[in-house]
Structure formats: C-alpha cells, structure tokens
N, C-alpha and C. Protein backbone atom coordinates (compact mmCIF):
# COMPACT_ATOMS: atom_id res chain seq x y z
N MET A 1 105.72 124.65 103.67
CA MET A 1 106.60 123.57 103.23
C MET A 1 106.56 123.50 101.71
N THR A 2 107.73 123.27 101.12
CA THR A 2 107.80 123.13 99.67
C THR A 2 107.63 121.67 99.28
N ALA A 3 107.37 121.45 98.01
CA ALA A 3 107.25 120.08 97.51
C ALA A 3 108.57 119.32 97.67
N ASP A 4 109.69 120.00 97.46
CA ASP A 4 111.00 119.34 97.62
C ASP A 4 111.24 118.93 99.06
N GLU A 5 110.86 119.78 100.01
CA GLU A 5 111.00 119.43 101.42
C GLU A 5 110.13 118.23 101.77
N ALA A 6 108.89 118.25 101.29
CA ALA A 6 107.98 117.12 101.55
C ALA A 6 108.51 115.84 100.93
N ARG A 7 109.07 115.93 99.73
CA ARG A 7 109.65 114.75 99.08
C ARG A 7 110.79 114.18 99.90
N ARG A 8 111.66 115.04 100.40
CA ARG A 8 112.78 114.56 101.23
C ARG A 8 112.28 113.83 102.48
N ILE A 9 111.20 114.32 103.04
CA ILE A 9 110.64 113.70 104.25
C ILE A 9 110.08 112.32 103.97
N VAL A 10 109.33 112.17 102.88
CA VAL A 10 108.66 110.89 102.60
C VAL A 10 109.52 109.91 101.81
N ALA A 11 110.56 110.39 101.14
CA ALA A 11 111.39 109.51 100.30
C ALA A 11 112.04 108.40 101.11
N ASP A 12 112.31 108.66 102.38
CA ASP A 12 113.00 107.67 103.22
C ASP A 12 112.06 106.70 103.92
N VAL A 13 110.77 106.73 103.59
CA VAL A 13 109.84 105.76 104.17
C VAL A 13 110.27 104.37 103.70
N PRO A 14 110.51 103.47 104.66
CA PRO A 14 110.93 102.12 104.24
C PRO A 14 109.75 101.29 103.75
N ASP A 15 110.04 100.38 102.86
CA ASP A 15 109.02 99.42 102.44
C ASP A 15 108.75 98.51 103.64
N PRO A 16 107.50 98.36 104.07
CA PRO A 16 107.24 97.54 105.26
C PRO A 16 107.55 96.05 105.09
N GLU A 17 107.56 95.56 103.86
CA GLU A 17 107.87 94.15 103.62
C GLU A 17 109.37 93.91 103.44
N ILE A 18 110.07 94.92 102.95
CA ILE A 18 111.51 94.82 102.73
C ILE A 18 112.12 96.11 103.30
N PRO A 19 112.31 96.18 104.61
CA PRO A 19 112.65 97.45 105.26
C PRO A 19 114.03 98.02 104.94
N VAL A 20 114.84 97.31 104.19
CA VAL A 20 116.16 97.85 103.85
C VAL A 20 116.10 98.80 102.66
N VAL A 21 114.97 98.87 101.97
CA VAL A 21 114.84 99.77 100.83
C VAL A 21 113.70 100.76 101.10
N THR A 22 113.85 101.95 100.53
CA THR A 22 112.84 102.99 100.71
C THR A 22 111.87 102.99 99.54
N ILE A 23 110.77 103.71 99.73
CA ILE A 23 109.79 103.79 98.66
C ILE A 23 110.35 104.56 97.46
N ALA A 24 111.27 105.47 97.72
CA ALA A 24 111.91 106.19 96.60
C ALA A 24 112.83 105.25 95.83
N GLU A 25 113.61 104.45 96.55
CA GLU A 25 114.54 103.52 95.88
C GLU A 25 113.80 102.45 95.08
N LEU A 26 112.63 102.05 95.57
CA LEU A 26 111.83 101.05 94.85
C LEU A 26 111.09 101.64 93.65
N GLY A 27 111.00 102.97 93.62
CA GLY A 27 110.25 103.61 92.54
C GLY A 27 108.77 103.69 92.82
N ILE A 28 108.36 103.38 94.04
CA ILE A 28 106.95 103.46 94.44
C ILE A 28 106.53 104.92 94.56
N LEU A 29 107.43 105.78 95.05
CA LEU A 29 107.15 107.20 95.20
C LEU A 29 107.23 107.86 93.84
N ARG A 30 106.11 108.30 93.33
CA ARG A 30 106.06 108.84 91.97
C ARG A 30 106.14 110.36 91.92
N ASP A 31 105.43 111.03 92.85
CA ASP A 31 105.37 112.48 92.77
C ASP A 31 105.00 113.05 94.13
N VAL A 32 105.51 114.24 94.40
CA VAL A 32 105.12 115.01 95.58
C VAL A 32 104.94 116.43 95.11
N ARG A 33 103.78 116.99 95.38
CA ARG A 33 103.52 118.38 94.99
C ARG A 33 102.58 119.03 96.00
N ILE A 34 102.44 120.32 95.88
CA ILE A 34 101.56 121.08 96.74
C ILE A 34 100.40 121.58 95.87
N GLU A 35 99.17 121.28 96.29
CA GLU A 35 97.97 121.74 95.60
C GLU A 35 97.08 122.45 96.61
N ALA A 36 96.94 123.77 96.45
CA ALA A 36 96.08 124.57 97.33
C ALA A 36 96.36 124.30 98.81
N GLY A 37 97.64 124.24 99.16
CA GLY A 37 98.02 124.05 100.55
C GLY A 37 98.06 122.61 101.03
N THR A 38 97.67 121.68 100.19
CA THR A 38 97.69 120.26 100.53
C THR A 38 98.91 119.60 99.92
N VAL A 39 99.62 118.80 100.72
CA VAL A 39 100.73 118.02 100.19
C VAL A 39 100.12 116.78 99.54
N VAL A 40 100.33 116.66 98.24
CA VAL A 40 99.79 115.53 97.47
C VAL A 40 100.95 114.60 97.13
N VAL A 41 100.87 113.38 97.63
CA VAL A 41 101.90 112.37 97.40
C VAL A 41 101.29 111.29 96.52
N THR A 42 101.94 111.00 95.42
CA THR A 42 101.45 109.97 94.50
C THR A 42 102.37 108.76 94.58
N ILE A 43 101.76 107.60 94.79
CA ILE A 43 102.51 106.35 94.88
C ILE A 43 101.90 105.32 93.93
N THR A 44 102.74 104.39 93.52
CA THR A 44 102.30 103.29 92.65
C THR A 44 102.77 101.98 93.29
N PRO A 45 101.86 101.05 93.55
CA PRO A 45 102.27 99.78 94.16
C PRO A 45 103.06 98.93 93.19
N THR A 46 103.87 98.02 93.75
CA THR A 46 104.63 97.10 92.90
C THR A 46 103.69 96.18 92.14
N TYR A 47 102.51 95.96 92.66
CA TYR A 47 101.44 95.28 91.93
C TYR A 47 100.12 95.70 92.56
N SER A 48 99.06 95.71 91.78
CA SER A 48 97.77 96.14 92.34
C SER A 48 97.34 95.14 93.40
N GLY A 49 96.86 95.66 94.49
CA GLY A 49 96.44 94.81 95.60
C GLY A 49 97.55 94.56 96.61
N CYS A 50 98.68 95.21 96.47
CA CYS A 50 99.80 95.03 97.41
C CYS A 50 99.36 95.41 98.82
N PRO A 51 99.44 94.48 99.78
CA PRO A 51 98.97 94.78 101.14
C PRO A 51 99.83 95.79 101.88
N ALA A 52 101.03 96.06 101.40
CA ALA A 52 101.91 97.01 102.07
C ALA A 52 101.48 98.46 101.84
N MET A 53 100.63 98.71 100.87
CA MET A 53 100.28 100.09 100.53
C MET A 53 99.59 100.82 101.67
N ASP A 54 98.75 100.15 102.44
CA ASP A 54 98.09 100.81 103.57
C ASP A 54 99.13 101.28 104.59
N ALA A 55 100.10 100.44 104.88
CA ALA A 55 101.15 100.82 105.83
C ALA A 55 102.00 101.96 105.26
N ILE A 56 102.27 101.94 103.97
CA ILE A 56 103.05 103.01 103.34
C ILE A 56 102.30 104.33 103.42
N ARG A 57 101.01 104.31 103.10
CA ARG A 57 100.19 105.53 103.19
C ARG A 57 100.21 106.09 104.61
N ALA A 58 100.02 105.22 105.59
CA ALA A 58 100.00 105.65 106.99
C ALA A 58 101.35 106.25 107.40
N GLU A 59 102.44 105.64 106.97
CA GLU A 59 103.76 106.14 107.33
C GLU A 59 104.04 107.48 106.65
N ILE A 60 103.61 107.66 105.42
CA ILE A 60 103.77 108.94 104.73
C ILE A 60 103.04 110.03 105.52
N ARG A 61 101.81 109.76 105.89
CA ARG A 61 101.03 110.74 106.66
C ARG A 61 101.68 111.03 108.01
N ALA A 62 102.16 109.99 108.69
CA ALA A 62 102.78 110.17 110.01
C ALA A 62 104.06 111.01 109.91
N ARG A 63 104.86 110.75 108.89
CA ARG A 63 106.12 111.50 108.74
C ARG A 63 105.84 112.98 108.45
N LEU A 64 104.86 113.24 107.61
CA LEU A 64 104.53 114.63 107.32
C LEU A 64 103.91 115.30 108.53
N ASP A 65 103.08 114.57 109.27
CA ASP A 65 102.47 115.10 110.49
C ASP A 65 103.55 115.49 111.51
N GLU A 66 104.60 114.68 111.61
CA GLU A 66 105.73 114.99 112.51
C GLU A 66 106.39 116.32 112.16
N HIS A 67 106.25 116.74 110.91
CA HIS A 67 106.83 118.00 110.46
C HIS A 67 105.78 119.10 110.35
N GLY A 68 104.64 118.89 111.02
CA GLY A 68 103.61 119.92 111.09
C GLY A 68 102.70 120.01 109.89
N VAL A 69 102.71 119.00 109.04
CA VAL A 69 101.84 119.01 107.86
C VAL A 69 100.65 118.09 108.13
N ALA A 70 99.49 118.71 108.28
CA ALA A 70 98.29 117.93 108.59
C ALA A 70 97.44 117.66 107.34
N ASP A 71 97.55 118.52 106.36
CA ASP A 71 96.73 118.39 105.16
C ASP A 71 97.51 117.60 104.10
N VAL A 72 97.28 116.29 104.08
CA VAL A 72 98.01 115.38 103.21
C VAL A 72 97.02 114.53 102.42
N ASP A 73 97.27 114.39 101.14
CA ASP A 73 96.48 113.52 100.27
C ASP A 73 97.43 112.53 99.63
N VAL A 74 97.31 111.25 99.98
CA VAL A 74 98.15 110.22 99.38
C VAL A 74 97.32 109.51 98.32
N ARG A 75 97.75 109.63 97.10
CA ARG A 75 97.01 109.06 95.95
C ARG A 75 97.75 107.85 95.40
N THR A 76 96.98 106.84 95.09
CA THR A 76 97.53 105.64 94.47
C THR A 76 97.20 105.67 92.98
N VAL A 77 98.23 105.55 92.16
CA VAL A 77 98.06 105.56 90.71
C VAL A 77 98.53 104.22 90.18
N LEU A 78 97.69 103.57 89.39
CA LEU A 78 98.01 102.24 88.86
C LEU A 78 98.53 102.28 87.42
N SER A 79 98.41 103.43 86.77
CA SER A 79 98.84 103.53 85.39
C SER A 79 99.73 104.76 85.22
N PRO A 80 100.92 104.58 84.69
CA PRO A 80 101.45 103.32 84.21
C PRO A 80 101.77 102.39 85.37
N ALA A 81 101.68 101.12 85.09
CA ALA A 81 101.96 100.11 86.11
C ALA A 81 103.43 100.17 86.50
N TRP A 82 103.67 99.89 87.79
CA TRP A 82 105.05 99.86 88.29
C TRP A 82 105.84 98.80 87.53
N THR A 83 107.10 99.08 87.34
CA THR A 83 108.01 98.15 86.67
C THR A 83 109.32 98.08 87.44
N THR A 84 109.98 96.97 87.37
CA THR A 84 111.28 96.84 88.03
C THR A 84 112.32 97.76 87.41
N ASP A 85 112.02 98.34 86.26
CA ASP A 85 112.91 99.34 85.67
C ASP A 85 113.03 100.57 86.59
N TRP A 86 112.05 100.75 87.47
CA TRP A 86 112.06 101.92 88.36
C TRP A 86 112.92 101.71 89.60
N LEU A 87 113.40 100.49 89.81
CA LEU A 87 114.32 100.25 90.93
C LEU A 87 115.61 101.03 90.69
N THR A 88 116.09 101.71 91.73
CA THR A 88 117.37 102.39 91.59
C THR A 88 118.50 101.37 91.73
N ASP A 89 119.69 101.76 91.30
CA ASP A 89 120.86 100.88 91.49
C ASP A 89 121.08 100.61 92.97
N GLU A 90 120.81 101.62 93.81
CA GLU A 90 120.97 101.45 95.25
C GLU A 90 119.97 100.40 95.78
N ALA A 91 118.74 100.42 95.27
CA ALA A 91 117.76 99.42 95.67
C ALA A 91 118.22 98.01 95.29
N ARG A 92 118.75 97.87 94.09
CA ARG A 92 119.25 96.56 93.65
C ARG A 92 120.39 96.08 94.56
N ARG A 93 121.28 96.99 94.91
CA ARG A 93 122.40 96.64 95.78
C ARG A 93 121.90 96.24 97.16
N LYS A 94 120.97 97.01 97.71
CA LYS A 94 120.44 96.72 99.05
C LYS A 94 119.65 95.41 99.07
N LEU A 95 118.86 95.16 98.04
CA LEU A 95 118.11 93.90 97.97
C LEU A 95 119.07 92.72 97.99
N SER A 96 120.10 92.80 97.18
CA SER A 96 121.07 91.71 97.12
C SER A 96 121.77 91.50 98.46
N ALA A 97 122.18 92.59 99.10
CA ALA A 97 122.84 92.50 100.40
C ALA A 97 121.90 91.92 101.46
N TYR A 98 120.60 92.12 101.29
CA TYR A 98 119.58 91.62 102.22
C TYR A 98 119.25 90.15 101.96
N GLY A 99 119.76 89.62 100.84
CA GLY A 99 119.51 88.21 100.51
C GLY A 99 118.40 87.99 99.50
N ILE A 100 117.96 89.06 98.86
CA ILE A 100 116.92 88.97 97.83
C ILE A 100 117.57 89.28 96.49
N ALA A 101 117.45 88.36 95.55
CA ALA A 101 118.04 88.57 94.23
C ALA A 101 117.21 89.60 93.47
N PRO A 102 117.80 90.74 93.13
CA PRO A 102 117.05 91.73 92.36
C PRO A 102 116.98 91.32 90.89
N PRO A 103 115.99 91.81 90.18
CA PRO A 103 115.96 91.52 88.75
C PRO A 103 117.09 92.27 88.05
N ALA A 104 117.56 91.71 86.99
CA ALA A 104 118.62 92.36 86.22
C ALA A 104 118.05 93.63 85.59
N PRO A 105 118.85 94.70 85.52
CA PRO A 105 118.36 95.91 84.85
C PRO A 105 118.20 95.65 83.36
N ARG A 106 117.24 96.33 82.77
CA ARG A 106 116.96 96.17 81.35
C ARG A 106 117.57 97.34 80.60
N ALA A 107 118.21 97.04 79.49
CA ALA A 107 118.75 98.10 78.65
C ALA A 107 117.59 98.87 78.03
N ALA A 108 117.74 100.17 77.87
CA ALA A 108 116.68 101.01 77.33
C ALA A 108 116.19 100.48 75.99
N GLY A 109 114.89 100.31 75.88
CA GLY A 109 114.28 99.87 74.64
C GLY A 109 114.33 98.38 74.38
N SER A 110 115.00 97.62 75.23
CA SER A 110 115.10 96.18 75.00
C SER A 110 113.96 95.46 75.73
N PRO A 111 113.59 94.28 75.24
CA PRO A 111 112.55 93.52 75.93
C PRO A 111 113.06 92.99 77.27
N LEU A 112 112.13 92.72 78.15
CA LEU A 112 112.49 92.17 79.46
C LEU A 112 112.83 90.71 79.29
N LEU A 113 114.09 90.37 79.47
CA LEU A 113 114.55 89.01 79.32
C LEU A 113 115.65 88.76 80.33
N GLN A 114 115.43 87.82 81.19
CA GLN A 114 116.45 87.47 82.17
C GLN A 114 116.71 85.98 82.05
N LEU A 115 117.92 85.63 81.67
CA LEU A 115 118.25 84.24 81.40
C LEU A 115 118.57 83.44 82.66
N GLY A 116 118.93 84.11 83.72
CA GLY A 116 119.25 83.43 84.97
C GLY A 116 119.11 84.36 86.14
N VAL A 117 119.01 83.79 87.31
CA VAL A 117 118.92 84.55 88.55
C VAL A 117 120.18 84.28 89.35
N CYS A 118 120.84 85.35 89.73
CA CYS A 118 122.09 85.25 90.48
C CYS A 118 121.80 85.06 91.96
N CYS A 119 122.41 84.05 92.57
CA CYS A 119 122.25 83.80 93.99
C CYS A 119 122.88 84.96 94.78
N PRO A 120 122.12 85.60 95.67
CA PRO A 120 122.69 86.70 96.45
C PRO A 120 123.66 86.22 97.53
N GLN A 121 123.71 84.91 97.78
CA GLN A 121 124.61 84.37 98.81
C GLN A 121 126.00 84.11 98.25
N CYS A 122 126.06 83.41 97.09
CA CYS A 122 127.38 83.01 96.57
C CYS A 122 127.69 83.56 95.18
N GLY A 123 126.71 84.17 94.51
CA GLY A 123 126.94 84.76 93.20
C GLY A 123 126.79 83.80 92.04
N SER A 124 126.37 82.57 92.28
CA SER A 124 126.21 81.58 91.22
C SER A 124 124.93 81.84 90.43
N PHE A 125 124.98 81.53 89.14
CA PHE A 125 123.77 81.57 88.31
C PHE A 125 123.15 80.18 88.18
N ASP A 126 123.72 79.21 88.86
CA ASP A 126 123.19 77.85 88.84
C ASP A 126 122.06 77.77 89.87
N THR A 127 120.94 78.39 89.51
CA THR A 127 119.79 78.48 90.41
C THR A 127 118.55 77.98 89.69
N ARG A 128 117.53 77.67 90.49
CA ARG A 128 116.26 77.25 89.89
C ARG A 128 115.12 77.81 90.71
N GLU A 129 114.01 78.05 90.01
CA GLU A 129 112.83 78.53 90.71
C GLU A 129 112.21 77.38 91.48
N ARG A 130 111.98 77.60 92.75
CA ARG A 130 111.37 76.58 93.61
C ARG A 130 109.86 76.79 93.68
N SER A 131 109.45 78.06 93.73
CA SER A 131 108.03 78.39 93.80
C SER A 131 107.82 79.77 93.20
N ARG A 132 106.78 79.93 92.44
CA ARG A 132 106.46 81.23 91.84
C ARG A 132 106.08 82.23 92.92
N PHE A 133 105.84 81.75 94.13
CA PHE A 133 105.42 82.59 95.24
C PHE A 133 106.50 82.60 96.32
N GLY A 134 106.93 83.80 96.72
CA GLY A 134 107.94 83.95 97.76
C GLY A 134 107.33 84.52 99.02
N SER A 135 108.15 85.19 99.81
CA SER A 135 107.67 85.74 101.08
C SER A 135 106.70 86.89 100.89
N THR A 136 106.72 87.52 99.72
CA THR A 136 105.72 88.52 99.36
C THR A 136 105.25 88.20 97.95
N ALA A 137 104.14 88.79 97.55
CA ALA A 137 103.59 88.49 96.22
C ALA A 137 104.48 88.99 95.09
N CYS A 138 105.34 89.98 95.36
CA CYS A 138 106.21 90.49 94.31
C CYS A 138 107.53 89.72 94.21
N GLN A 139 107.62 88.61 94.95
CA GLN A 139 108.83 87.80 94.93
C GLN A 139 108.49 86.34 94.63
N SER A 140 109.46 85.63 94.11
CA SER A 140 109.34 84.18 93.93
C SER A 140 110.50 83.55 94.69
N GLN A 141 110.37 82.27 94.97
CA GLN A 141 111.42 81.59 95.75
C GLN A 141 112.30 80.77 94.82
N TYR A 142 113.60 80.92 95.02
CA TYR A 142 114.61 80.19 94.26
C TYR A 142 115.48 79.39 95.21
N VAL A 143 116.24 78.48 94.66
CA VAL A 143 117.25 77.76 95.42
C VAL A 143 118.51 77.70 94.56
N CYS A 144 119.64 77.85 95.20
CA CYS A 144 120.92 77.82 94.52
C CYS A 144 121.44 76.38 94.52
N ARG A 145 121.82 75.90 93.35
CA ARG A 145 122.37 74.55 93.25
C ARG A 145 123.83 74.49 93.72
N SER A 146 124.50 75.65 93.78
CA SER A 146 125.90 75.68 94.21
C SER A 146 126.03 75.67 95.72
N CYS A 147 125.37 76.63 96.40
CA CYS A 147 125.51 76.71 97.86
C CYS A 147 124.32 76.09 98.58
N LEU A 148 123.29 75.69 97.82
CA LEU A 148 122.09 75.02 98.33
C LEU A 148 121.19 75.91 99.18
N GLU A 149 121.44 77.21 99.18
CA GLU A 149 120.64 78.14 99.97
C GLU A 149 119.38 78.56 99.21
N PRO A 150 118.25 78.61 99.89
CA PRO A 150 117.06 79.18 99.28
C PRO A 150 117.12 80.72 99.38
N PHE A 151 116.47 81.40 98.45
CA PHE A 151 116.44 82.86 98.51
C PHE A 151 115.25 83.35 97.70
N ASP A 152 114.81 84.55 98.01
CA ASP A 152 113.75 85.18 97.25
C ASP A 152 114.34 85.94 96.08
N HIS A 153 113.55 86.05 95.02
CA HIS A 153 113.91 86.80 93.84
C HIS A 153 112.79 87.80 93.56
N PHE A 154 113.16 89.07 93.46
CA PHE A 154 112.18 90.10 93.15
C PHE A 154 111.74 89.91 91.70
N LYS A 155 110.47 89.61 91.49
CA LYS A 155 109.99 89.31 90.14
C LYS A 155 110.15 90.51 89.22
N ALA A 156 110.66 90.26 88.05
CA ALA A 156 110.82 91.31 87.05
C ALA A 156 109.50 91.52 86.32
N HIS A 157 109.13 92.76 86.19
CA HIS A 157 107.97 93.14 85.36
C HIS A 157 107.99 94.62 85.10
C-alpha cells in the first residue's frame, strides 16, 4: 500500500463528536507515510486532551485493517497546535449546515479577530455568547437574538 492510498482510506474518518465532517476536513489529519513497512498516521487534536482522539485512533486502525494493513502507528502531535485556519471550506460549509457556526476564515497574516458570530439557522449576526462551553470542549454556546435559536459555535483558535 502506498502512502496516498492509506491517506485516502483514513481521510474519510468522521469526527466522532461532529460526524458530518471528516478528520481531513477538520485539519486533524496531518500526515500519512510509510516507514519500514508501517503506515504512520499523524494527527493533531483540536485541543490537547480532546476525548475524541481515542475513537479517531481506533477508527483509523480499523479502516486500515479492513484494507489488510495490520502494521499501523497513529501518532499524536501537539506542535504546532491545531488552529481553525486548518478547517477546509467544505468543513465550514458542513458545520454550518449541521447547525454549528464555524469560525470565520482568517486572511493570511492577519490576527485572529471575529467581530460577530453568524447564526447558522437564520444568518443573523445579532447573536450573543450564552456559555463559553458548548456540547464539546472545542465549541461554545450562542443564542440568536433574531430567531431565538441556541446553537454551538466552533471556537476560533
């Protein structure tokens, strides 16, 4: 098996907390290579201590095992730290369609600054943070003042 084949197999692993996006779309999947016959997959959590990483590691191993690859090393790398800049445009679109407000993309070289959070239900920017903690640690909870719906916001970092 080549590294490209292995990457195609594991790229579609869904995030266990947000199953509409894959680890590749989230930017969690950093590298796939072959070292002395071992498929080495490098992943970076959205934050250190993310409880979904064990499930992601297990699913990566299971998917490769289904394709006859038994020698797999899944490595977690914390540096550089994951950033929402690694989200693909497709991930942002899928998060929004799922009801989670994605962070705004940052222009290259500009500081991370988001002046408002767009409601994924009605598109209004008339929103407020309800709680710094959402359904997962990488999200916060917001409420829209226009449609009154609560929603999660993927924290920008």
